[in-house]
Amino acid sequence: DLAEEASGATVTFASDAKQACTMDFVPRVTV
């Protein structure tokens, strides 16, 4: 979700507690 206001926006990210993630630490770019 992305909710806009005059001075910015609130960006909500999905969460999945069951998702298996690798232990690397890399840059991720979101548009």
PDB file of all heavy atoms in Angstrom:
ATOM      1  N   ASP A   1       0.842  -1.190   0.000  1.00  0.00           N
ATOM      2  CA  ASP A   1       0.000   0.000   0.000  1.00  0.00           C
ATOM      3  C   ASP A   1       0.880   1.245   0.000  1.00  0.00           C
ATOM      4  O   ASP A   1       1.982   1.243   0.576  1.00  0.00           O
ATOM      5  CB  ASP A   1      -0.920   0.025   1.237  1.00  0.00           C
ATOM      6  CG  ASP A   1      -1.886   1.194   1.221  1.00  0.00           C
ATOM      7  OD1 ASP A   1      -2.746   1.231   0.324  1.00  0.00           O
ATOM      8  OD2 ASP A   1      -1.784   2.081   2.086  1.00  0.00           O
ATOM      9  N   LEU A   2       0.395   2.290  -0.675  1.00  0.00           N
ATOM     10  CA  LEU A   2       1.089   3.575  -0.696  1.00  0.00           C
ATOM     11  C   LEU A   2       0.035   4.668  -0.529  1.00  0.00           C
ATOM     12  O   LEU A   2      -0.813   4.852  -1.404  1.00  0.00           O
ATOM     13  CB  LEU A   2       1.871   3.760  -1.993  1.00  0.00           C
ATOM     14  CG  LEU A   2       2.859   4.934  -2.045  1.00  0.00           C
ATOM     15  CD1 LEU A   2       4.005   4.627  -3.011  1.00  0.00           C
ATOM     16  CD2 LEU A   2       2.170   6.227  -2.485  1.00  0.00           C
ATOM     17  N   ALA A   3       0.091   5.364   0.602  1.00  0.00           N
ATOM     18  CA  ALA A   3      -0.877   6.424   0.910  1.00  0.00           C
ATOM     19  C   ALA A   3      -0.154   7.768   0.882  1.00  0.00           C
ATOM     20  O   ALA A   3       0.791   7.988   1.643  1.00  0.00           O
ATOM     21  CB  ALA A   3      -1.525   6.191   2.273  1.00  0.00           C
ATOM     22  N   GLU A   4      -0.603   8.665   0.004  1.00  0.00           N
ATOM     23  CA  GLU A   4       0.072   9.949  -0.176  1.00  0.00           C
ATOM     24  C   GLU A   4      -0.560  11.061   0.656  1.00  0.00           C
ATOM     25  O   GLU A   4      -1.772  11.084   0.872  1.00  0.00           O
ATOM     26  CB  GLU A   4       0.045  10.350  -1.650  1.00  0.00           C
ATOM     27  CG  GLU A   4       0.812   9.406  -2.550  1.00  0.00           C
ATOM     28  CD  GLU A   4       0.850   9.894  -3.986  1.00  0.00           C
ATOM     29  OE1 GLU A   4       1.362  11.010  -4.210  1.00  0.00           O
ATOM     30  OE2 GLU A   4       0.355   9.181  -4.867  1.00  0.00           O
ATOM     31  N   GLU A   5       0.298  11.984   1.076  1.00  0.00           N
ATOM     32  CA  GLU A   5      -0.107  13.213   1.741  1.00  0.00           C
ATOM     33  C   GLU A   5       0.642  14.368   1.088  1.00  0.00           C
ATOM     34  O   GLU A   5       1.464  14.155   0.193  1.00  0.00           O
ATOM     35  CB  GLU A   5       0.188  13.142   3.242  1.00  0.00           C
ATOM     36  CG  GLU A   5      -0.529  12.009   3.962  1.00  0.00           C
ATOM     37  CD  GLU A   5      -0.168  11.941   5.436  1.00  0.00           C
ATOM     38  OE1 GLU A   5       0.715  12.728   5.847  1.00  0.00           O
ATOM     39  OE2 GLU A   5      -0.741  11.115   6.150  1.00  0.00           O
ATOM     40  N   ALA A   6       0.365  15.590   1.549  1.00  0.00           N
ATOM     41  CA  ALA A   6       0.985  16.756   0.913  1.00  0.00           C
ATOM     42  C   ALA A   6       2.504  16.744   1.054  1.00  0.00           C
ATOM     43  O   ALA A   6       3.226  17.127   0.131  1.00  0.00           O
ATOM     44  CB  ALA A   6       0.413  18.029   1.510  1.00  0.00           C
ATOM     45  N   SER A   7       3.019  16.288   2.188  1.00  0.00           N
ATOM     46  CA  SER A   7       4.452  16.364   2.455  1.00  0.00           C
ATOM     47  C   SER A   7       5.162  15.019   2.371  1.00  0.00           C
ATOM     48  O   SER A   7       6.327  14.916   2.750  1.00  0.00           O
ATOM     49  CB  SER A   7       4.688  16.963   3.851  1.00  0.00           C
ATOM     50  OG  SER A   7       4.058  16.166   4.843  1.00  0.00           O
ATOM     51  N   GLY A   8       4.464  13.995   1.888  1.00  0.00           N
ATOM     52  CA  GLY A   8       5.125  12.697   1.792  1.00  0.00           C
ATOM     53  C   GLY A   8       4.149  11.571   1.546  1.00  0.00           C
ATOM     54  O   GLY A   8       3.014  11.787   1.136  1.00  0.00           O
ATOM     55  N   ALA A   9       4.624  10.364   1.793  1.00  0.00           N
ATOM     56  CA  ALA A   9       3.788   9.187   1.567  1.00  0.00           C
ATOM     57  C   ALA A   9       4.137   8.114   2.590  1.00  0.00           C
ATOM     58  O   ALA A   9       5.290   8.004   3.030  1.00  0.00           O
ATOM     59  CB  ALA A   9       3.982   8.651   0.154  1.00  0.00           C
ATOM     60  N   THR A  10       3.133   7.330   2.960  1.00  0.00           N
ATOM     61  CA  THR A  10       3.342   6.176   3.836  1.00  0.00           C
ATOM     62  C   THR A  10       3.363   4.924   2.971  1.00  0.00           C
ATOM     63  O   THR A  10       2.413   4.637   2.249  1.00  0.00           O
ATOM     64  CB  THR A  10       2.228   6.068   4.882  1.00  0.00           C
ATOM     65  OG1 THR A  10       2.245   7.239   5.719  1.00  0.00           O
ATOM     66  CG2 THR A  10       2.423   4.838   5.759  1.00  0.00           C
ATOM     67  N   VAL A  11       4.477   4.205   3.031  1.00  0.00           N
ATOM     68  CA  VAL A  11       4.657   2.993   2.217  1.00  0.00           C
ATOM     69  C   VAL A  11       4.599   1.785   3.137  1.00  0.00           C
ATOM     70  O   VAL A  11       5.416   1.646   4.054  1.00  0.00           O
ATOM     71  CB  VAL A  11       6.004   3.016   1.468  1.00  0.00           C
ATOM     72  CG1 VAL A  11       6.096   1.826   0.528  1.00  0.00           C
ATOM     73  CG2 VAL A  11       6.166   4.321   0.700  1.00  0.00           C
ATOM     74  N   THR A  12       3.623   0.915   2.900  1.00  0.00           N
ATOM     75  CA  THR A  12       3.458  -0.289   3.701  1.00  0.00           C
ATOM     76  C   THR A  12       3.933  -1.492   2.901  1.00  0.00           C
ATOM     77  O   THR A  12       3.581  -1.652   1.731  1.00  0.00           O
ATOM     78  CB  THR A  12       1.986  -0.489   4.104  1.00  0.00           C
ATOM     79  OG1 THR A  12       1.531   0.687   4.806  1.00  0.00           O
ATOM     80  CG2 THR A  12       1.822  -1.699   5.004  1.00  0.00           C
ATOM     81  N   PHE A  13       4.745  -2.328   3.549  1.00  0.00           N
ATOM     82  CA  PHE A  13       5.299  -3.498   2.882  1.00  0.00           C
ATOM     83  C   PHE A  13       4.629  -4.769   3.397  1.00  0.00           C
ATOM     84  O   PHE A  13       4.282  -4.879   4.574  1.00  0.00           O
ATOM     85  CB  PHE A  13       6.806  -3.586   3.121  1.00  0.00           C
ATOM     86  CG  PHE A  13       7.581  -2.432   2.545  1.00  0.00           C
ATOM     87  CD1 PHE A  13       7.890  -1.328   3.331  1.00  0.00           C
ATOM     88  CD2 PHE A  13       7.974  -2.432   1.223  1.00  0.00           C
ATOM     89  CE1 PHE A  13       8.588  -0.258   2.811  1.00  0.00           C
ATOM     90  CE2 PHE A  13       8.680  -1.359   0.687  1.00  0.00           C
ATOM     91  CZ  PHE A  13       8.982  -0.275   1.484  1.00  0.00           C
ATOM     92  N   ALA A  14       4.471  -5.728   2.487  1.00  0.00           N
ATOM     93  CA  ALA A  14       3.893  -7.014   2.857  1.00  0.00           C
ATOM     94  C   ALA A  14       4.883  -7.793   3.718  1.00  0.00           C
ATOM     95  O   ALA A  14       6.105  -7.697   3.531  1.00  0.00           O
ATOM     96  CB  ALA A  14       3.546  -7.812   1.595  1.00  0.00           C
ATOM     97  N   SER A  15       4.362  -8.549   4.653  1.00  0.00           N
ATOM     98  CA  SER A  15       5.201  -9.359   5.539  1.00  0.00           C
ATOM     99  C   SER A  15       4.773 -10.820   5.442  1.00  0.00           C
ATOM    100  O   SER A  15       3.581 -11.115   5.405  1.00  0.00           O
ATOM    101  CB  SER A  15       5.090  -8.874   6.990  1.00  0.00           C
ATOM    102  OG  SER A  15       5.539  -7.543   7.113  1.00  0.00           O
ATOM    103  N   ASP A  16       5.760 -11.709   5.377  1.00  0.00           N
ATOM    104  CA  ASP A  16       5.490 -13.146   5.331  1.00  0.00           C
ATOM    105  C   ASP A  16       6.454 -13.835   6.282  1.00  0.00           C
ATOM    106  O   ASP A  16       7.624 -14.059   5.948  1.00  0.00           O
ATOM    107  CB  ASP A  16       5.652 -13.669   3.906  1.00  0.00           C
ATOM    108  CG  ASP A  16       5.262 -15.136   3.771  1.00  0.00           C
ATOM    109  OD1 ASP A  16       4.906 -15.744   4.805  1.00  0.00           O
ATOM    110  OD2 ASP A  16       5.313 -15.664   2.651  1.00  0.00           O
ATOM    111  N   ALA A  17       5.958 -14.159   7.468  1.00  0.00           N
ATOM    112  CA  ALA A  17       6.813 -14.751   8.493  1.00  0.00           C
ATOM    113  C   ALA A  17       7.324 -16.138   8.097  1.00  0.00           C
ATOM    114  O   ALA A  17       8.336 -16.616   8.632  1.00  0.00           O
ATOM    115  CB  ALA A  17       6.044 -14.846   9.810  1.00  0.00           C
ATOM    116  N   LYS A  18       6.646 -16.803   7.159  1.00  0.00           N
ATOM    117  CA  LYS A  18       7.030 -18.155   6.756  1.00  0.00           C
ATOM    118  C   LYS A  18       8.014 -18.170   5.590  1.00  0.00           C
ATOM    119  O   LYS A  18       8.493 -19.230   5.198  1.00  0.00           O
ATOM    120  CB  LYS A  18       5.784 -18.952   6.376  1.00  0.00           C
ATOM    121  CG  LYS A  18       4.801 -19.148   7.532  1.00  0.00           C
ATOM    122  CD  LYS A  18       3.599 -19.971   7.091  1.00  0.00           C
ATOM    123  CE  LYS A  18       2.614 -20.169   8.235  1.00  0.00           C
ATOM    124  NZ  LYS A  18       1.433 -20.977   7.806  1.00  0.00           N
ATOM    125  N   GLN A  19       8.309 -16.979   5.020  1.00  0.00           N
ATOM    126  CA  GLN A  19       9.197 -16.934   3.869  1.00  0.00           C
ATOM    127  C   GLN A  19      10.637 -17.205   4.276  1.00  0.00           C
ATOM    128  O   GLN A  19      11.138 -16.631   5.246  1.00  0.00           O
ATOM    129  CB  GLN A  19       9.106 -15.578   3.176  1.00  0.00           C
ATOM    130  CG  GLN A  19       9.895 -15.493   1.883  1.00  0.00           C
ATOM    131  CD  GLN A  19       9.725 -14.157   1.192  1.00  0.00           C
ATOM    132  OE1 GLN A  19       9.189 -13.205   1.779  1.00  0.00           O
ATOM    133  NE2 GLN A  19      10.156 -14.052  -0.049  1.00  0.00           N
ATOM    134  N   ALA A  20      11.314 -18.091   3.553  1.00  0.00           N
ATOM    135  CA  ALA A  20      12.716 -18.413   3.838  1.00  0.00           C
ATOM    136  C   ALA A  20      13.615 -17.437   3.086  1.00  0.00           C
ATOM    137  O   ALA A  20      13.512 -17.310   1.865  1.00  0.00           O
ATOM    138  CB  ALA A  20      13.018 -19.844   3.418  1.00  0.00           C
ATOM    139  N   CYS A  21      14.489 -16.736   3.818  1.00  0.00           N
ATOM    140  CA  CYS A  21      15.344 -15.710   3.222  1.00  0.00           C
ATOM    141  C   CYS A  21      16.812 -16.101   3.361  1.00  0.00           C
ATOM    142  O   CYS A  21      17.234 -16.623   4.397  1.00  0.00           O
ATOM    143  CB  CYS A  21      15.127 -14.366   3.904  1.00  0.00           C
ATOM    144  SG  CYS A  21      13.423 -13.764   3.838  1.00  0.00           S
ATOM    145  N   THR A  22      17.596 -15.836   2.323  1.00  0.00           N
ATOM    146  CA  THR A  22      19.035 -16.067   2.407  1.00  0.00           C
ATOM    147  C   THR A  22      19.652 -15.065   3.384  1.00  0.00           C
ATOM    148  O   THR A  22      19.085 -14.018   3.682  1.00  0.00           O
ATOM    149  CB  THR A  22      19.681 -15.911   1.020  1.00  0.00           C
ATOM    150  OG1 THR A  22      19.346 -14.615   0.506  1.00  0.00           O
ATOM    151  CG2 THR A  22      19.174 -16.967   0.054  1.00  0.00           C
ATOM    152  N   MET A  23      20.844 -15.392   3.873  1.00  0.00           N
ATOM    153  CA  MET A  23      21.493 -14.564   4.890  1.00  0.00           C
ATOM    154  C   MET A  23      22.415 -13.507   4.299  1.00  0.00           C
ATOM    155  O   MET A  23      23.197 -12.896   5.023  1.00  0.00           O
ATOM    156  CB  MET A  23      22.284 -15.471   5.836  1.00  0.00           C
ATOM    157  CG  MET A  23      21.413 -16.431   6.636  1.00  0.00           C
ATOM    158  SD  MET A  23      20.226 -15.564   7.714  1.00  0.00           S
ATOM    159  CE  MET A  23      21.353 -14.820   8.888  1.00  0.00           C
ATOM    160  N   ASP A  24      22.354 -13.268   2.980  1.00  0.00           N
ATOM    161  CA  ASP A  24      23.200 -12.236   2.389  1.00  0.00           C
ATOM    162  C   ASP A  24      22.622 -10.857   2.708  1.00  0.00           C
ATOM    163  O   ASP A  24      21.488 -10.713   3.172  1.00  0.00           O
ATOM    164  CB  ASP A  24      23.365 -12.439   0.885  1.00  0.00           C
ATOM    165  CG  ASP A  24      22.030 -12.529   0.153  1.00  0.00           C
ATOM    166  OD1 ASP A  24      20.980 -12.662   0.818  1.00  0.00           O
ATOM    167  OD2 ASP A  24      22.019 -12.448  -1.089  1.00  0.00           O
ATOM    168  N   PHE A  25      23.406  -9.824   2.453  1.00  0.00           N
ATOM    169  CA  PHE A  25      23.012  -8.446   2.767  1.00  0.00           C
ATOM    170  C   PHE A  25      23.358  -7.590   1.560  1.00  0.00           C
ATOM    171  O   PHE A  25      24.510  -7.204   1.375  1.00  0.00           O
ATOM    172  CB  PHE A  25      23.749  -7.968   4.015  1.00  0.00           C
ATOM    173  CG  PHE A  25      23.198  -6.701   4.608  1.00  0.00           C
ATOM    174  CD1 PHE A  25      21.995  -6.691   5.294  1.00  0.00           C
ATOM    175  CD2 PHE A  25      23.900  -5.508   4.492  1.00  0.00           C
ATOM    176  CE1 PHE A  25      21.497  -5.533   5.855  1.00  0.00           C
ATOM    177  CE2 PHE A  25      23.401  -4.336   5.055  1.00  0.00           C
ATOM    178  CZ  PHE A  25      22.193  -4.352   5.732  1.00  0.00           C
ATOM    179  N   VAL A  26      22.354  -7.317   0.722  1.00  0.00           N
ATOM    180  CA  VAL A  26      22.607  -6.653  -0.559  1.00  0.00           C
ATOM    181  C   VAL A  26      21.691  -5.439  -0.704  1.00  0.00           C
ATOM    182  O   VAL A  26      20.659  -5.330  -0.024  1.00  0.00           O
ATOM    183  CB  VAL A  26      22.357  -7.626  -1.735  1.00  0.00           C
ATOM    184  CG1 VAL A  26      23.258  -8.845  -1.624  1.00  0.00           C
ATOM    185  CG2 VAL A  26      20.888  -8.040  -1.783  1.00  0.00           C
ATOM    186  N   PRO A  27      22.050  -4.515  -1.614  1.00  0.00           N
ATOM    187  CA  PRO A  27      21.156  -3.373  -1.883  1.00  0.00           C
ATOM    188  C   PRO A  27      19.964  -3.822  -2.718  1.00  0.00           C
ATOM    189  O   PRO A  27      20.113  -4.571  -3.685  1.00  0.00           O
ATOM    190  CB  PRO A  27      22.053  -2.395  -2.647  1.00  0.00           C
ATOM    191  CG  PRO A  27      23.094  -3.259  -3.291  1.00  0.00           C
ATOM    192  CD  PRO A  27      23.319  -4.404  -2.362  1.00  0.00           C
ATOM    193  N   ARG A  28      18.752  -3.354  -2.349  1.00  0.00           N
ATOM    194  CA  ARG A  28      17.533  -3.622  -3.118  1.00  0.00           C
ATOM    195  C   ARG A  28      16.904  -2.276  -3.475  1.00  0.00           C
ATOM    196  O   ARG A  28      16.700  -1.434  -2.590  1.00  0.00           O
ATOM    197  CB  ARG A  28      16.516  -4.438  -2.314  1.00  0.00           C
ATOM    198  CG  ARG A  28      16.936  -5.853  -1.934  1.00  0.00           C
ATOM    199  CD  ARG A  28      17.499  -5.960  -0.523  1.00  0.00           C
ATOM    200  NE  ARG A  28      16.699  -5.289   0.477  1.00  0.00           N
ATOM    201  CZ  ARG A  28      15.846  -5.919   1.327  1.00  0.00           C
ATOM    202  NH1 ARG A  28      15.685  -7.215   1.238  1.00  0.00           N
ATOM    203  NH2 ARG A  28      15.184  -5.245   2.254  1.00  0.00           N
ATOM    204  N   VAL A  29      16.608  -2.061  -4.743  1.00  0.00           N
ATOM    205  CA  VAL A  29      16.041  -0.785  -5.194  1.00  0.00           C
ATOM    206  C   VAL A  29      14.583  -0.998  -5.586  1.00  0.00           C
ATOM    207  O   VAL A  29      14.271  -1.835  -6.433  1.00  0.00           O
ATOM    208  CB  VAL A  29      16.830  -0.212  -6.391  1.00  0.00           C
ATOM    209  CG1 VAL A  29      16.209   1.103  -6.853  1.00  0.00           C
ATOM    210  CG2 VAL A  29      18.296  -0.001  -6.016  1.00  0.00           C
ATOM    211  N   THR A  30      13.714  -0.223  -4.954  1.00  0.00           N
ATOM    212  CA  THR A  30      12.276  -0.291  -5.215  1.00  0.00           C
ATOM    213  C   THR A  30      11.831   1.002  -5.892  1.00  0.00           C
ATOM    214  O   THR A  30      12.184   2.093  -5.440  1.00  0.00           O
ATOM    215  CB  THR A  30      11.476  -0.482  -3.906  1.00  0.00           C
ATOM    216  OG1 THR A  30      11.927  -1.665  -3.247  1.00  0.00           O
ATOM    217  CG2 THR A  30       9.988  -0.596  -4.178  1.00  0.00           C
ATOM    218  N   VAL A  31      11.073   0.869  -6.976  1.00  0.00           N
ATOM    219  CA  VAL A  31      10.572   2.036  -7.706  1.00  0.00           C
ATOM    220  C   VAL A  31       9.182   2.395  -7.181  1.00  0.00           C
ATOM    221  O   VAL A  31       8.298   1.547  -7.092  1.00  0.00           O
ATOM    222  CB  VAL A  31      10.490   1.751  -9.215  1.00  0.00           C
ATOM    223  CG1 VAL A  31       9.951   2.970  -9.964  1.00  0.00           C
ATOM    224  CG2 VAL A  31      11.860   1.357  -9.754  1.00  0.00           C
TER     225      VAL A  31
END
